[in-house]
Amino acid sequence: MTRRLHPKVDAFDLAISRFMHRWGHFLHRVMLGGLFVWFGLLKVFGEKSATSIIADTVYAGSPDRVVPILGVWEALIGLCLLWRPLIRVALLLLALRLVGTLLALILEPDVCWTSTWGVPTIQGQYLIKDFILFSAAMVIGGTVREERWRHVHH
């Protein structure tokens, strides 16, 4: 039971779909890479974030030392996403960082969760978004061999 679109609406919809198909993955990769560089550099320059939860939970050393290191790590993830040949490295670095995120969510329940089951605090929400960002990065990782696929199938 699909309704046919008016030919002009259909043509417009097709043009929009082609535009999104052509530019969507590229913009997705650039924006995600830029976000990691931006937020990583904020940590390097001393801006506070929920990353200190991870630093307190997982790593030996004071958050004053560890958070800037994690900031460099995040900025490196972003740079690897921005330079297409290093997307696989970005995914590896991001996956390794998720271990710390998961440990923080488990080992710091008072900081990450409210007293209501399943309701994260603001800090917990910040950490949970790392899993969403990882899944977004996986979509980008799925395009790594895209050039090769085009040549094989066309």
C-alpha atoms as a PDB file:
ATOM      1  CA  MET A   1       0.000   0.000   0.000  1.00  0.00           C
ATOM      2  CA  THR A   2       2.504   2.587  -1.077  1.00  0.00           C
ATOM      3  CA  ARG A   3       1.204   5.823  -2.443  1.00  0.00           C
ATOM      4  CA  ARG A   4       2.836   7.225  -5.486  1.00  0.00           C
ATOM      5  CA  LEU A   5       4.270  10.677  -5.101  1.00  0.00           C
ATOM      6  CA  HIS A   6       3.536  13.476  -7.484  1.00  0.00           C
ATOM      7  CA  PRO A   7       6.310  13.380 -10.144  1.00  0.00           C
ATOM      8  CA  LYS A   8       7.751  16.740  -9.042  1.00  0.00           C
ATOM      9  CA  VAL A   9       7.723  15.719  -5.376  1.00  0.00           C
ATOM     10  CA  ASP A  10       9.282  12.394  -6.322  1.00  0.00           C
ATOM     11  CA  ALA A  11      12.028  14.134  -8.333  1.00  0.00           C
ATOM     12  CA  PHE A  12      12.718  16.497  -5.432  1.00  0.00           C
ATOM     13  CA  ASP A  13      12.807  13.581  -2.987  1.00  0.00           C
ATOM     14  CA  LEU A  14      15.192  11.693  -5.280  1.00  0.00           C
ATOM     15  CA  ALA A  15      17.502  14.721  -5.525  1.00  0.00           C
ATOM     16  CA  ILE A  16      17.584  15.080  -1.735  1.00  0.00           C
ATOM     17  CA  SER A  17      18.221  11.350  -1.286  1.00  0.00           C
ATOM     18  CA  ARG A  18      21.089  11.428  -3.782  1.00  0.00           C
ATOM     19  CA  PHE A  19      22.593  14.460  -2.053  1.00  0.00           C
ATOM     20  CA  MET A  20      22.432  12.735   1.330  1.00  0.00           C
ATOM     21  CA  HIS A  21      23.858   9.527  -0.103  1.00  0.00           C
ATOM     22  CA  ARG A  22      26.706  11.430  -1.758  1.00  0.00           C
ATOM     23  CA  TRP A  23      27.640  13.639   1.204  1.00  0.00           C
ATOM     24  CA  GLY A  24      26.201  11.939   4.315  1.00  0.00           C
ATOM     25  CA  HIS A  25      29.074   9.613   5.215  1.00  0.00           C
ATOM     26  CA  PHE A  26      31.677  12.268   4.488  1.00  0.00           C
ATOM     27  CA  LEU A  27      29.942  14.858   6.692  1.00  0.00           C
ATOM     28  CA  HIS A  28      29.307  12.226   9.351  1.00  0.00           C
ATOM     29  CA  ARG A  29      33.031  11.386   9.463  1.00  0.00           C
ATOM     30  CA  VAL A  30      34.188  15.022   9.441  1.00  0.00           C
ATOM     31  CA  MET A  31      31.704  16.110  12.111  1.00  0.00           C
ATOM     32  CA  LEU A  32      32.450  13.153  14.388  1.00  0.00           C
ATOM     33  CA  GLY A  33      36.189  13.602  13.907  1.00  0.00           C
ATOM     34  CA  GLY A  34      35.880  17.318  14.578  1.00  0.00           C
ATOM     35  CA  LEU A  35      33.851  16.657  17.726  1.00  0.00           C
ATOM     36  CA  PHE A  36      36.526  14.359  19.114  1.00  0.00           C
ATOM     37  CA  VAL A  37      39.300  16.828  18.316  1.00  0.00           C
ATOM     38  CA  TRP A  38      37.321  19.707  19.873  1.00  0.00           C
ATOM     39  CA  PHE A  39      36.308  17.905  23.071  1.00  0.00           C
ATOM     40  CA  GLY A  40      39.742  16.307  23.396  1.00  0.00           C
ATOM     41  CA  LEU A  41      41.490  19.669  23.162  1.00  0.00           C
ATOM     42  CA  LEU A  42      39.121  21.136  25.766  1.00  0.00           C
ATOM     43  CA  LYS A  43      40.412  18.515  28.196  1.00  0.00           C
ATOM     44  CA  VAL A  44      44.024  19.189  27.226  1.00  0.00           C
ATOM     45  CA  PHE A  45      43.512  22.877  28.022  1.00  0.00           C
ATOM     46  CA  GLY A  46      41.960  22.199  31.430  1.00  0.00           C
ATOM     47  CA  GLU A  47      38.227  22.413  30.810  1.00  0.00           C
ATOM     48  CA  LYS A  48      36.250  20.141  33.133  1.00  0.00           C
ATOM     49  CA  SER A  49      34.295  17.185  31.819  1.00  0.00           C
ATOM     50  CA  ALA A  50      32.845  13.870  32.885  1.00  0.00           C
ATOM     51  CA  THR A  51      36.108  12.284  31.751  1.00  0.00           C
ATOM     52  CA  SER A  52      37.418  12.893  35.258  1.00  0.00           C
ATOM     53  CA  ILE A  53      34.995  10.144  36.354  1.00  0.00           C
ATOM     54  CA  ILE A  54      36.855   7.724  34.100  1.00  0.00           C
ATOM     55  CA  ALA A  55      40.179   9.085  35.328  1.00  0.00           C
ATOM     56  CA  ASP A  56      39.166   8.558  38.962  1.00  0.00           C
ATOM     57  CA  THR A  57      37.770   5.094  38.341  1.00  0.00           C
ATOM     58  CA  VAL A  58      40.050   3.364  35.918  1.00  0.00           C
ATOM     59  CA  TYR A  59      43.445   4.968  35.816  1.00  0.00           C
ATOM     60  CA  ALA A  60      46.207   5.307  38.368  1.00  0.00           C
ATOM     61  CA  GLY A  61      47.189   8.892  38.922  1.00  0.00           C
ATOM     62  CA  SER A  62      45.423  12.128  39.575  1.00  0.00           C
ATOM     63  CA  PRO A  63      42.708  13.372  37.225  1.00  0.00           C
ATOM     64  CA  ASP A  64      44.795  16.530  36.753  1.00  0.00           C
ATOM     65  CA  ARG A  65      47.322  14.367  34.923  1.00  0.00           C
ATOM     66  CA  VAL A  66      45.108  11.691  33.410  1.00  0.00           C
ATOM     67  CA  VAL A  67      42.346  13.907  31.948  1.00  0.00           C
ATOM     68  CA  PRO A  68      44.731  15.795  29.623  1.00  0.00           C
ATOM     69  CA  ILE A  69      46.142  12.438  28.495  1.00  0.00           C
ATOM     70  CA  LEU A  70      42.614  11.241  27.753  1.00  0.00           C
ATOM     71  CA  GLY A  71      42.076  14.540  25.936  1.00  0.00           C
ATOM     72  CA  VAL A  72      45.052  13.853  23.693  1.00  0.00           C
ATOM     73  CA  TRP A  73      43.669  10.333  23.162  1.00  0.00           C
ATOM     74  CA  GLU A  74      40.279  11.779  22.093  1.00  0.00           C
ATOM     75  CA  ALA A  75      41.893  14.362  19.824  1.00  0.00           C
ATOM     76  CA  LEU A  76      43.902  11.544  18.239  1.00  0.00           C
ATOM     77  CA  ILE A  77      40.674   9.589  17.657  1.00  0.00           C
ATOM     78  CA  GLY A  78      39.269  12.647  15.917  1.00  0.00           C
ATOM     79  CA  LEU A  79      42.345  13.184  13.765  1.00  0.00           C
ATOM     80  CA  CYS A  80      42.310   9.525  12.753  1.00  0.00           C
ATOM     81  CA  LEU A  81      38.661   9.863  11.731  1.00  0.00           C
ATOM     82  CA  LEU A  82      39.470  12.959   9.705  1.00  0.00           C
ATOM     83  CA  TRP A  83      42.260  11.236   7.775  1.00  0.00           C
ATOM     84  CA  ARG A  84      40.486   8.414   6.001  1.00  0.00           C
ATOM     85  CA  PRO A  85      43.419   5.921   5.896  1.00  0.00           C
ATOM     86  CA  LEU A  86      43.430   5.907   9.732  1.00  0.00           C
ATOM     87  CA  ILE A  87      39.742   5.186  10.346  1.00  0.00           C
ATOM     88  CA  ARG A  88      40.581   1.678  11.601  1.00  0.00           C
ATOM     89  CA  VAL A  89      43.035   3.177  14.102  1.00  0.00           C
ATOM     90  CA  ALA A  90      40.323   5.578  15.288  1.00  0.00           C
ATOM     91  CA  LEU A  91      37.945   2.665  15.882  1.00  0.00           C
ATOM     92  CA  LEU A  92      40.576   0.775  17.851  1.00  0.00           C
ATOM     93  CA  LEU A  93      41.392   3.818  20.012  1.00  0.00           C
ATOM     94  CA  LEU A  94      37.704   4.465  20.587  1.00  0.00           C
ATOM     95  CA  ALA A  95      36.995   0.827  21.489  1.00  0.00           C
ATOM     96  CA  LEU A  96      39.845   0.859  24.013  1.00  0.00           C
ATOM     97  CA  ARG A  97      38.456   4.052  25.537  1.00  0.00           C
ATOM     98  CA  LEU A  98      35.030   2.420  25.920  1.00  0.00           C
ATOM     99  CA  VAL A  99      36.483  -0.017  28.435  1.00  0.00           C
ATOM    100  CA  GLY A 100      37.122   2.906  30.784  1.00  0.00           C
ATOM    101  CA  THR A 101      33.658   4.275  30.118  1.00  0.00           C
ATOM    102  CA  LEU A 102      32.029   0.945  30.931  1.00  0.00           C
ATOM    103  CA  LEU A 103      34.078   0.547  34.111  1.00  0.00           C
ATOM    104  CA  ALA A 104      33.093   4.026  35.249  1.00  0.00           C
ATOM    105  CA  LEU A 105      29.400   3.245  34.721  1.00  0.00           C
ATOM    106  CA  ILE A 106      29.777   0.039  36.771  1.00  0.00           C
ATOM    107  CA  LEU A 107      32.232   1.137  39.463  1.00  0.00           C
ATOM    108  CA  GLU A 108      30.827   4.630  40.089  1.00  0.00           C
ATOM    109  CA  PRO A 109      27.071   4.055  40.380  1.00  0.00           C
ATOM    110  CA  ASP A 110      26.636   6.942  42.835  1.00  0.00           C
ATOM    111  CA  VAL A 111      28.072   9.340  40.262  1.00  0.00           C
ATOM    112  CA  CYS A 112      26.577   7.808  37.109  1.00  0.00           C
ATOM    113  CA  TRP A 113      23.061   6.775  38.167  1.00  0.00           C
ATOM    114  CA  THR A 114      20.209   8.373  40.083  1.00  0.00           C
ATOM    115  CA  SER A 115      18.305   6.460  42.744  1.00  0.00           C
ATOM    116  CA  THR A 116      15.727   5.503  40.097  1.00  0.00           C
ATOM    117  CA  TRP A 117      16.702   2.367  38.176  1.00  0.00           C
ATOM    118  CA  GLY A 118      17.807   3.065  34.607  1.00  0.00           C
ATOM    119  CA  VAL A 119      18.022   6.838  35.016  1.00  0.00           C
ATOM    120  CA  PRO A 120      21.548   8.149  34.498  1.00  0.00           C
ATOM    121  CA  THR A 121      22.831  11.352  36.026  1.00  0.00           C
ATOM    122  CA  ILE A 122      24.159  14.070  33.730  1.00  0.00           C
ATOM    123  CA  GLN A 123      27.618  12.526  34.149  1.00  0.00           C
ATOM    124  CA  GLY A 124      26.218   9.092  33.331  1.00  0.00           C
ATOM    125  CA  GLN A 125      24.495  10.465  30.233  1.00  0.00           C
ATOM    126  CA  TYR A 126      27.794  11.956  29.115  1.00  0.00           C
ATOM    127  CA  LEU A 127      29.462   8.563  29.470  1.00  0.00           C
ATOM    128  CA  ILE A 128      26.630   6.640  27.802  1.00  0.00           C
ATOM    129  CA  LYS A 129      26.867   8.878  24.733  1.00  0.00           C
ATOM    130  CA  ASP A 130      30.330   7.401  24.154  1.00  0.00           C
ATOM    131  CA  PHE A 131      28.628   4.141  23.153  1.00  0.00           C
ATOM    132  CA  ILE A 132      26.426   6.041  20.698  1.00  0.00           C
ATOM    133  CA  LEU A 133      29.502   7.767  19.265  1.00  0.00           C
ATOM    134  CA  PHE A 134      31.211   4.392  18.922  1.00  0.00           C
ATOM    135  CA  SER A 135      28.263   2.991  16.986  1.00  0.00           C
ATOM    136  CA  ALA A 136      28.363   6.076  14.762  1.00  0.00           C
ATOM    137  CA  ALA A 137      32.080   5.480  14.221  1.00  0.00           C
ATOM    138  CA  MET A 138      31.297   1.863  13.291  1.00  0.00           C
ATOM    139  CA  VAL A 139      29.081   3.152  10.476  1.00  0.00           C
ATOM    140  CA  ILE A 140      32.049   5.177   9.251  1.00  0.00           C
ATOM    141  CA  GLY A 141      34.265   2.095   9.609  1.00  0.00           C
ATOM    142  CA  GLY A 142      31.843   0.231   7.382  1.00  0.00           C
ATOM    143  CA  THR A 143      32.790   2.564   4.541  1.00  0.00           C
ATOM    144  CA  VAL A 144      36.558   1.957   4.749  1.00  0.00           C
ATOM    145  CA  ARG A 145      36.517  -0.457   1.835  1.00  0.00           C
ATOM    146  CA  GLU A 146      33.831   1.418  -0.073  1.00  0.00           C
ATOM    147  CA  GLU A 147      36.183   2.500  -2.871  1.00  0.00           C
ATOM    148  CA  ARG A 148      37.255  -1.103  -3.396  1.00  0.00           C
ATOM    149  CA  TRP A 149      33.610  -2.263  -3.403  1.00  0.00           C
ATOM    150  CA  ARG A 150      32.712   0.254  -6.107  1.00  0.00           C
ATOM    151  CA  HIS A 151      35.450  -1.069  -8.377  1.00  0.00           C
ATOM    152  CA  VAL A 152      34.519  -4.713  -7.782  1.00  0.00           C
ATOM    153  CA  HIS A 153      30.762  -4.308  -8.318  1.00  0.00           C
ATOM    154  CA  HIS A 154      30.768  -1.859 -11.191  1.00  0.00           C
END
